[in-house]
Amino acid sequence: MEKNNSKVYWKENIKYLFILLTVWFLVSFGGGILFKDFLNEFKFGGFKLGFWFAQQGSMYVFVILIFIYVKLMNKLDKKYGYDK
């Protein structure tokens, strides 16, 4: 039963990683490169939004995603009994 639990645990872990890394990719690559022309029509803190995402936004989102990942993993650890 423990081996089956660990497979399900890692499957959920990989799912969380994929989702969070996809969000980071969309913010960093999408916001800073792909959608920059559209985003540059808006301003944030006196800077064009596309430029802001390329320079600052992706780093902020990455740090926020780290905290989200920690929270998700703590919850997942408790769910499968790996929090001890």
PDB file of N, CA and C in Angstrom:
ATOM      1  N   MET A   1       0.828  -1.201   0.000  1.00  0.00           N
ATOM      2  CA  MET A   1       0.000   0.000   0.000  1.00  0.00           C
ATOM      3  C   MET A   1       0.869   1.262   0.000  1.00  0.00           C
ATOM      4  N   GLU A   2       1.989   1.219   0.720  1.00  0.00           N
ATOM      5  CA  GLU A   2       2.887   2.376   0.804  1.00  0.00           C
ATOM      6  C   GLU A   2       3.455   2.737  -0.560  1.00  0.00           C
ATOM      7  N   LYS A   3       3.797   1.720  -1.367  1.00  0.00           N
ATOM      8  CA  LYS A   3       4.366   1.964  -2.699  1.00  0.00           C
ATOM      9  C   LYS A   3       3.334   2.620  -3.606  1.00  0.00           C
ATOM     10  N   ASN A   4       2.083   2.179  -3.510  1.00  0.00           N
ATOM     11  CA  ASN A   4       1.003   2.773  -4.296  1.00  0.00           C
ATOM     12  C   ASN A   4       0.769   4.226  -3.876  1.00  0.00           C
ATOM     13  N   ASN A   5       0.848   4.484  -2.564  1.00  0.00           N
ATOM     14  CA  ASN A   5       0.711   5.847  -2.047  1.00  0.00           C
ATOM     15  C   ASN A   5       1.789   6.765  -2.608  1.00  0.00           C
ATOM     16  N   SER A   6       3.001   6.262  -2.669  1.00  0.00           N
ATOM     17  CA  SER A   6       4.103   7.094  -3.156  1.00  0.00           C
ATOM     18  C   SER A   6       3.952   7.406  -4.637  1.00  0.00           C
ATOM     19  N   LYS A   7       3.422   6.485  -5.417  1.00  0.00           N
ATOM     20  CA  LYS A   7       3.194   6.755  -6.843  1.00  0.00           C
ATOM     21  C   LYS A   7       2.142   7.842  -7.033  1.00  0.00           C
ATOM     22  N   VAL A   8       1.071   7.760  -6.280  1.00  0.00           N
ATOM     23  CA  VAL A   8       0.014   8.775  -6.373  1.00  0.00           C
ATOM     24  C   VAL A   8       0.543  10.122  -5.877  1.00  0.00           C
ATOM     25  N   TYR A   9       1.327  10.088  -4.815  1.00  0.00           N
ATOM     26  CA  TYR A   9       1.931  11.307  -4.276  1.00  0.00           C
ATOM     27  C   TYR A   9       2.788  12.002  -5.334  1.00  0.00           C
ATOM     28  N   TRP A  10       3.670  11.239  -5.992  1.00  0.00           N
ATOM     29  CA  TRP A  10       4.555  11.837  -6.990  1.00  0.00           C
ATOM     30  C   TRP A  10       3.801  12.282  -8.230  1.00  0.00           C
ATOM     31  N   LYS A  11       2.736  11.577  -8.554  1.00  0.00           N
ATOM     32  CA  LYS A  11       1.914  11.983  -9.694  1.00  0.00           C
ATOM     33  C   LYS A  11       1.282  13.353  -9.428  1.00  0.00           C
ATOM     34  N   GLU A  12       0.750  13.544  -8.224  1.00  0.00           N
ATOM     35  CA  GLU A  12       0.188  14.847  -7.858  1.00  0.00           C
ATOM     36  C   GLU A  12       1.269  15.920  -7.777  1.00  0.00           C
ATOM     37  N   ASN A  13       2.433  15.565  -7.258  1.00  0.00           N
ATOM     38  CA  ASN A  13       3.553  16.502  -7.166  1.00  0.00           C
ATOM     39  C   ASN A  13       3.952  16.993  -8.558  1.00  0.00           C
ATOM     40  N   ILE A  14       4.083  16.070  -9.501  1.00  0.00           N
ATOM     41  CA  ILE A  14       4.452  16.430 -10.876  1.00  0.00           C
ATOM     42  C   ILE A  14       3.360  17.288 -11.519  1.00  0.00           C
ATOM     43  N   LYS A  15       2.113  16.995 -11.213  1.00  0.00           N
ATOM     44  CA  LYS A  15       1.008  17.804 -11.743  1.00  0.00           C
ATOM     45  C   LYS A  15       1.127  19.239 -11.241  1.00  0.00           C
ATOM     46  N   TYR A  16       1.389  19.410  -9.942  1.00  0.00           N
ATOM     47  CA  TYR A  16       1.568  20.760  -9.387  1.00  0.00           C
ATOM     48  C   TYR A  16       2.757  21.469 -10.030  1.00  0.00           C
ATOM     49  N   LEU A  17       3.865  20.748 -10.186  1.00  0.00           N
ATOM     50  CA  LEU A  17       5.049  21.341 -10.818  1.00  0.00           C
ATOM     51  C   LEU A  17       4.751  21.798 -12.236  1.00  0.00           C
ATOM     52  N   PHE A  18       4.079  20.959 -12.998  1.00  0.00           N
ATOM     53  CA  PHE A  18       3.752  21.305 -14.376  1.00  0.00           C
ATOM     54  C   PHE A  18       2.875  22.554 -14.442  1.00  0.00           C
ATOM     55  N   ILE A  19       1.869  22.621 -13.602  1.00  0.00           N
ATOM     56  CA  ILE A  19       0.964  23.779 -13.601  1.00  0.00           C
ATOM     57  C   ILE A  19       1.723  25.049 -13.213  1.00  0.00           C
ATOM     58  N   LEU A  20       2.505  24.989 -12.144  1.00  0.00           N
ATOM     59  CA  LEU A  20       3.216  26.179 -11.678  1.00  0.00           C
ATOM     60  C   LEU A  20       4.295  26.627 -12.664  1.00  0.00           C
ATOM     61  N   LEU A  21       5.001  25.688 -13.262  1.00  0.00           N
ATOM     62  CA  LEU A  21       6.010  26.058 -14.251  1.00  0.00           C
ATOM     63  C   LEU A  21       5.370  26.605 -15.531  1.00  0.00           C
ATOM     64  N   THR A  22       4.190  26.114 -15.869  1.00  0.00           N
ATOM     65  CA  THR A  22       3.466  26.662 -17.015  1.00  0.00           C
ATOM     66  C   THR A  22       3.060  28.103 -16.753  1.00  0.00           C
ATOM     67  N   VAL A  23       2.584  28.378 -15.551  1.00  0.00           N
ATOM     68  CA  VAL A  23       2.236  29.751 -15.190  1.00  0.00           C
ATOM     69  C   VAL A  23       3.469  30.637 -15.277  1.00  0.00           C
ATOM     70  N   TRP A  24       4.581  30.173 -14.734  1.00  0.00           N
ATOM     71  CA  TRP A  24       5.809  30.975 -14.777  1.00  0.00           C
ATOM     72  C   TRP A  24       6.264  31.211 -16.214  1.00  0.00           C
ATOM     73  N   PHE A  25       6.178  30.179 -17.053  1.00  0.00           N
ATOM     74  CA  PHE A  25       6.552  30.326 -18.461  1.00  0.00           C
ATOM     75  C   PHE A  25       5.666  31.364 -19.143  1.00  0.00           C
ATOM     76  N   LEU A  26       4.369  31.274 -18.918  1.00  0.00           N
ATOM     77  CA  LEU A  26       3.455  32.232 -19.549  1.00  0.00           C
ATOM     78  C   LEU A  26       3.735  33.658 -19.107  1.00  0.00           C
ATOM     79  N   VAL A  27       4.050  33.821 -17.830  1.00  0.00           N
ATOM     80  CA  VAL A  27       4.331  35.166 -17.325  1.00  0.00           C
ATOM     81  C   VAL A  27       5.671  35.672 -17.839  1.00  0.00           C
ATOM     82  N   SER A  28       6.705  34.849 -17.762  1.00  0.00           N
ATOM     83  CA  SER A  28       8.039  35.329 -18.137  1.00  0.00           C
ATOM     84  C   SER A  28       8.214  35.401 -19.651  1.00  0.00           C
ATOM     85  N   PHE A  29       7.958  34.316 -20.344  1.00  0.00           N
ATOM     86  CA  PHE A  29       8.158  34.307 -21.789  1.00  0.00           C
ATOM     87  C   PHE A  29       7.005  35.010 -22.502  1.00  0.00           C
ATOM     88  N   GLY A  30       5.784  34.692 -22.071  1.00  0.00           N
ATOM     89  CA  GLY A  30       4.615  35.307 -22.701  1.00  0.00           C
ATOM     90  C   GLY A  30       4.529  36.796 -22.432  1.00  0.00           C
ATOM     91  N   GLY A  31       4.602  37.161 -21.153  1.00  0.00           N
ATOM     92  CA  GLY A  31       4.480  38.573 -20.785  1.00  0.00           C
ATOM     93  C   GLY A  31       5.642  39.424 -21.235  1.00  0.00           C
ATOM     94  N   GLY A  32       6.832  38.868 -21.229  1.00  0.00           N
ATOM     95  CA  GLY A  32       8.019  39.649 -21.576  1.00  0.00           C
ATOM     96  C   GLY A  32       8.388  39.618 -23.041  1.00  0.00           C
ATOM     97  N   ILE A  33       7.921  38.592 -23.779  1.00  0.00           N
ATOM     98  CA  ILE A  33       8.347  38.458 -25.175  1.00  0.00           C
ATOM     99  C   ILE A  33       7.151  38.347 -26.127  1.00  0.00           C
ATOM    100  N   LEU A  34       6.317  37.330 -25.937  1.00  0.00           N
ATOM    101  CA  LEU A  34       5.245  37.074 -26.892  1.00  0.00           C
ATOM    102  C   LEU A  34       4.169  38.155 -26.907  1.00  0.00           C
ATOM    103  N   PHE A  35       3.725  38.578 -25.744  1.00  0.00           N
ATOM    104  CA  PHE A  35       2.619  39.532 -25.644  1.00  0.00           C
ATOM    105  C   PHE A  35       3.084  40.937 -25.294  1.00  0.00           C
ATOM    106  N   LYS A  36       4.369  41.219 -25.454  1.00  0.00           N
ATOM    107  CA  LYS A  36       4.901  42.508 -25.004  1.00  0.00           C
ATOM    108  C   LYS A  36       4.292  43.682 -25.757  1.00  0.00           C
ATOM    109  N   ASP A  37       4.048  43.527 -27.057  1.00  0.00           N
ATOM    110  CA  ASP A  37       3.475  44.636 -27.817  1.00  0.00           C
ATOM    111  C   ASP A  37       2.084  45.003 -27.299  1.00  0.00           C
ATOM    112  N   PHE A  38       1.269  43.994 -27.026  1.00  0.00           N
ATOM    113  CA  PHE A  38      -0.057  44.260 -26.460  1.00  0.00           C
ATOM    114  C   PHE A  38       0.062  44.841 -25.059  1.00  0.00           C
ATOM    115  N   LEU A  39       0.919  44.247 -24.225  1.00  0.00           N
ATOM    116  CA  LEU A  39       1.065  44.707 -22.844  1.00  0.00           C
ATOM    117  C   LEU A  39       1.682  46.097 -22.758  1.00  0.00           C
ATOM    118  N   ASN A  40       2.499  46.475 -23.738  1.00  0.00           N
ATOM    119  CA  ASN A  40       3.134  47.793 -23.717  1.00  0.00           C
ATOM    120  C   ASN A  40       2.138  48.928 -23.918  1.00  0.00           C
ATOM    121  N   GLU A  41       0.902  48.606 -24.277  1.00  0.00           N
ATOM    122  CA  GLU A  41      -0.139  49.627 -24.382  1.00  0.00           C
ATOM    123  C   GLU A  41      -0.569  50.116 -23.001  1.00  0.00           C
ATOM    124  N   PHE A  42      -0.232  49.362 -21.967  1.00  0.00           N
ATOM    125  CA  PHE A  42      -0.598  49.707 -20.596  1.00  0.00           C
ATOM    126  C   PHE A  42       0.655  50.084 -19.820  1.00  0.00           C
ATOM    127  N   LYS A  43       0.466  50.888 -18.791  1.00  0.00           N
ATOM    128  CA  LYS A  43       1.598  51.299 -17.950  1.00  0.00           C
ATOM    129  C   LYS A  43       1.400  50.768 -16.535  1.00  0.00           C
ATOM    130  N   PHE A  44       2.529  50.455 -15.895  1.00  0.00           N
ATOM    131  CA  PHE A  44       2.521  50.005 -14.507  1.00  0.00           C
ATOM    132  C   PHE A  44       3.718  50.637 -13.821  1.00  0.00           C
ATOM    133  N   GLY A  45       3.467  51.482 -12.867  1.00  0.00           N
ATOM    134  CA  GLY A  45       4.551  52.151 -12.153  1.00  0.00           C
ATOM    135  C   GLY A  45       5.373  53.067 -13.047  1.00  0.00           C
ATOM    136  N   GLY A  46       4.752  53.615 -14.078  1.00  0.00           N
ATOM    137  CA  GLY A  46       5.448  54.511 -14.983  1.00  0.00           C
ATOM    138  C   GLY A  46       6.184  53.811 -16.114  1.00  0.00           C
ATOM    139  N   PHE A  47       6.138  52.488 -16.152  1.00  0.00           N
ATOM    140  CA  PHE A  47       6.816  51.721 -17.199  1.00  0.00           C
ATOM    141  C   PHE A  47       5.789  50.979 -18.039  1.00  0.00           C
ATOM    142  N   LYS A  48       6.145  50.703 -19.277  1.00  0.00           N
ATOM    143  CA  LYS A  48       5.284  49.886 -20.116  1.00  0.00           C
ATOM    144  C   LYS A  48       5.179  48.499 -19.487  1.00  0.00           C
ATOM    145  N   LEU A  49       3.971  47.942 -19.514  1.00  0.00           N
ATOM    146  CA  LEU A  49       3.717  46.686 -18.804  1.00  0.00           C
ATOM    147  C   LEU A  49       4.540  45.528 -19.367  1.00  0.00           C
ATOM    148  N   GLY A  50       4.742  45.452 -20.670  1.00  0.00           N
ATOM    149  CA  GLY A  50       5.573  44.391 -21.248  1.00  0.00           C
ATOM    150  C   GLY A  50       6.999  44.469 -20.747  1.00  0.00           C
ATOM    151  N   PHE A  51       7.538  45.680 -20.690  1.00  0.00           N
ATOM    152  CA  PHE A  51       8.891  45.880 -20.161  1.00  0.00           C
ATOM    153  C   PHE A  51       8.944  45.492 -18.685  1.00  0.00           C
ATOM    154  N   TRP A  52       7.924  45.894 -17.928  1.00  0.00           N
ATOM    155  CA  TRP A  52       7.890  45.575 -16.504  1.00  0.00           C
ATOM    156  C   TRP A  52       7.890  44.067 -16.277  1.00  0.00           C
ATOM    157  N   PHE A  53       7.074  43.326 -17.041  1.00  0.00           N
ATOM    158  CA  PHE A  53       7.058  41.867 -16.901  1.00  0.00           C
ATOM    159  C   PHE A  53       8.413  41.268 -17.229  1.00  0.00           C
ATOM    160  N   ALA A  54       9.055  41.785 -18.261  1.00  0.00           N
ATOM    161  CA  ALA A  54      10.356  41.238 -18.651  1.00  0.00           C
ATOM    162  C   ALA A  54      11.413  41.518 -17.593  1.00  0.00           C
ATOM    163  N   GLN A  55      11.340  42.658 -16.922  1.00  0.00           N
ATOM    164  CA  GLN A  55      12.384  43.052 -15.980  1.00  0.00           C
ATOM    165  C   GLN A  55      12.082  42.673 -14.524  1.00  0.00           C
ATOM    166  N   GLN A  56      10.839  42.808 -14.110  1.00  0.00           N
ATOM    167  CA  GLN A  56      10.508  42.608 -12.700  1.00  0.00           C
ATOM    168  C   GLN A  56       9.418  41.572 -12.468  1.00  0.00           C
ATOM    169  N   GLY A  57       8.373  41.636 -13.264  1.00  0.00           N
ATOM    170  CA  GLY A  57       7.178  40.832 -13.013  1.00  0.00           C
ATOM    171  C   GLY A  57       7.425  39.349 -12.948  1.00  0.00           C
ATOM    172  N   SER A  58       8.242  38.833 -13.846  1.00  0.00           N
ATOM    173  CA  SER A  58       8.475  37.389 -13.843  1.00  0.00           C
ATOM    174  C   SER A  58       9.200  36.942 -12.583  1.00  0.00           C
ATOM    175  N   MET A  59      10.065  37.788 -12.045  1.00  0.00           N
ATOM    176  CA  MET A  59      10.753  37.434 -10.796  1.00  0.00           C
ATOM    177  C   MET A  59       9.784  37.428  -9.616  1.00  0.00           C
ATOM    178  N   TYR A  60       8.904  38.432  -9.567  1.00  0.00           N
ATOM    179  CA  TYR A  60       7.905  38.468  -8.496  1.00  0.00           C
ATOM    180  C   TYR A  60       6.991  37.252  -8.563  1.00  0.00           C
ATOM    181  N   VAL A  61       6.544  36.938  -9.772  1.00  0.00           N
ATOM    182  CA  VAL A  61       5.670  35.776  -9.936  1.00  0.00           C
ATOM    183  C   VAL A  61       6.399  34.506  -9.532  1.00  0.00           C
ATOM    184  N   PHE A  62       7.673  34.376  -9.882  1.00  0.00           N
ATOM    185  CA  PHE A  62       8.444  33.194  -9.507  1.00  0.00           C
ATOM    186  C   PHE A  62       8.506  33.037  -7.985  1.00  0.00           C
ATOM    187  N   VAL A  63       8.762  34.112  -7.274  1.00  0.00           N
ATOM    188  CA  VAL A  63       8.827  34.045  -5.805  1.00  0.00           C
ATOM    189  C   VAL A  63       7.463  33.675  -5.230  1.00  0.00           C
ATOM    190  N   ILE A  64       6.397  34.251  -5.773  1.00  0.00           N
ATOM    191  CA  ILE A  64       5.045  33.913  -5.311  1.00  0.00           C
ATOM    192  C   ILE A  64       4.755  32.438  -5.577  1.00  0.00           C
ATOM    193  N   LEU A  65       5.171  31.940  -6.743  1.00  0.00           N
ATOM    194  CA  LEU A  65       4.955  30.533  -7.067  1.00  0.00           C
ATOM    195  C   LEU A  65       5.721  29.601  -6.128  1.00  0.00           C
ATOM    196  N   ILE A  66       6.868  30.029  -5.648  1.00  0.00           N
ATOM    197  CA  ILE A  66       7.611  29.223  -4.672  1.00  0.00           C
ATOM    198  C   ILE A  66       6.791  29.069  -3.398  1.00  0.00           C
ATOM    199  N   PHE A  67       6.208  30.161  -2.925  1.00  0.00           N
ATOM    200  CA  PHE A  67       5.379  30.081  -1.718  1.00  0.00           C
ATOM    201  C   PHE A  67       4.136  29.228  -1.950  1.00  0.00           C
ATOM    202  N   ILE A  68       3.540  29.339  -3.126  1.00  0.00           N
ATOM    203  CA  ILE A  68       2.375  28.511  -3.454  1.00  0.00           C
ATOM    204  C   ILE A  68       2.784  27.035  -3.472  1.00  0.00           C
ATOM    205  N   TYR A  69       3.941  26.738  -4.064  1.00  0.00           N
ATOM    206  CA  TYR A  69       4.419  25.353  -4.119  1.00  0.00           C
ATOM    207  C   TYR A  69       4.660  24.795  -2.714  1.00  0.00           C
ATOM    208  N   VAL A  70       5.255  25.585  -1.852  1.00  0.00           N
ATOM    209  CA  VAL A  70       5.492  25.138  -0.470  1.00  0.00           C
ATOM    210  C   VAL A  70       4.171  24.823   0.219  1.00  0.00           C
ATOM    211  N   LYS A  71       3.191  25.699   0.041  1.00  0.00           N
ATOM    212  CA  LYS A  71       1.883  25.472   0.663  1.00  0.00           C
ATOM    213  C   LYS A  71       1.223  24.209   0.100  1.00  0.00           C
ATOM    214  N   LEU A  72       1.276  24.045  -1.231  1.00  0.00           N
ATOM    215  CA  LEU A  72       0.697  22.848  -1.843  1.00  0.00           C
ATOM    216  C   LEU A  72       1.394  21.575  -1.379  1.00  0.00           C
ATOM    217  N   MET A  73       2.722  21.622  -1.265  1.00  0.00           N
ATOM    218  CA  MET A  73       3.459  20.430  -0.853  1.00  0.00           C
ATOM    219  C   MET A  73       3.212  20.093   0.612  1.00  0.00           C
ATOM    220  N   ASN A  74       3.088  21.092   1.458  1.00  0.00           N
ATOM    221  CA  ASN A  74       2.750  20.823   2.857  1.00  0.00           C
ATOM    222  C   ASN A  74       1.393  20.145   2.961  1.00  0.00           C
ATOM    223  N   LYS A  75       0.440  20.617   2.171  1.00  0.00           N
ATOM    224  CA  LYS A  75      -0.885  20.016   2.150  1.00  0.00           C
ATOM    225  C   LYS A  75      -0.824  18.588   1.608  1.00  0.00           C
ATOM    226  N   LEU A  76      -0.044  18.390   0.543  1.00  0.00           N
ATOM    227  CA  LEU A  76       0.096  17.056  -0.051  1.00  0.00           C
ATOM    228  C   LEU A  76       0.809  16.097   0.899  1.00  0.00           C
ATOM    229  N   ASP A  77       1.833  16.586   1.599  1.00  0.00           N
ATOM    230  CA  ASP A  77       2.536  15.753   2.584  1.00  0.00           C
ATOM    231  C   ASP A  77       1.592  15.285   3.670  1.00  0.00           C
ATOM    232  N   LYS A  78       0.744  16.179   4.163  1.00  0.00           N
ATOM    233  CA  LYS A  78      -0.206  15.797   5.208  1.00  0.00           C
ATOM    234  C   LYS A  78      -1.218  14.800   4.672  1.00  0.00           C
ATOM    235  N   LYS A  79      -1.655  14.995   3.425  1.00  0.00           N
ATOM    236  CA  LYS A  79      -2.653  14.116   2.815  1.00  0.00           C
ATOM    237  C   LYS A  79      -2.149  12.676   2.734  1.00  0.00           C
ATOM    238  N   TYR A  80      -0.868  12.501   2.419  1.00  0.00           N
ATOM    239  CA  TYR A  80      -0.328  11.154   2.238  1.00  0.00           C
ATOM    240  C   TYR A  80       0.541  10.687   3.403  1.00  0.00           C
ATOM    241  N   GLY A  81       0.577  11.452   4.477  1.00  0.00           N
ATOM    242  CA  GLY A  81       1.272  11.018   5.682  1.00  0.00           C
ATOM    243  C   GLY A  81       2.787  11.152   5.634  1.00  0.00           C
ATOM    244  N   TYR A  82       3.303  12.048   4.808  1.00  0.00           N
ATOM    245  CA  TYR A  82       4.753  12.262   4.732  1.00  0.00           C
ATOM    246  C   TYR A  82       5.197  13.509   5.502  1.00  0.00           C
ATOM    247  N   ASP A  83       4.345  13.994   6.363  1.00  0.00           N
ATOM    248  CA  ASP A  83       4.659  15.231   7.102  1.00  0.00           C
ATOM    249  C   ASP A  83       5.351  14.966   8.428  1.00  0.00           C
ATOM    250  N   LYS A  84       5.707  13.748   8.716  1.00  0.00           N
ATOM    251  CA  LYS A  84       6.320  13.423  10.002  1.00  0.00           C
ATOM    252  C   LYS A  84       7.819  13.445   9.933  1.00  0.00           C
TER     253      LYS A  84
END
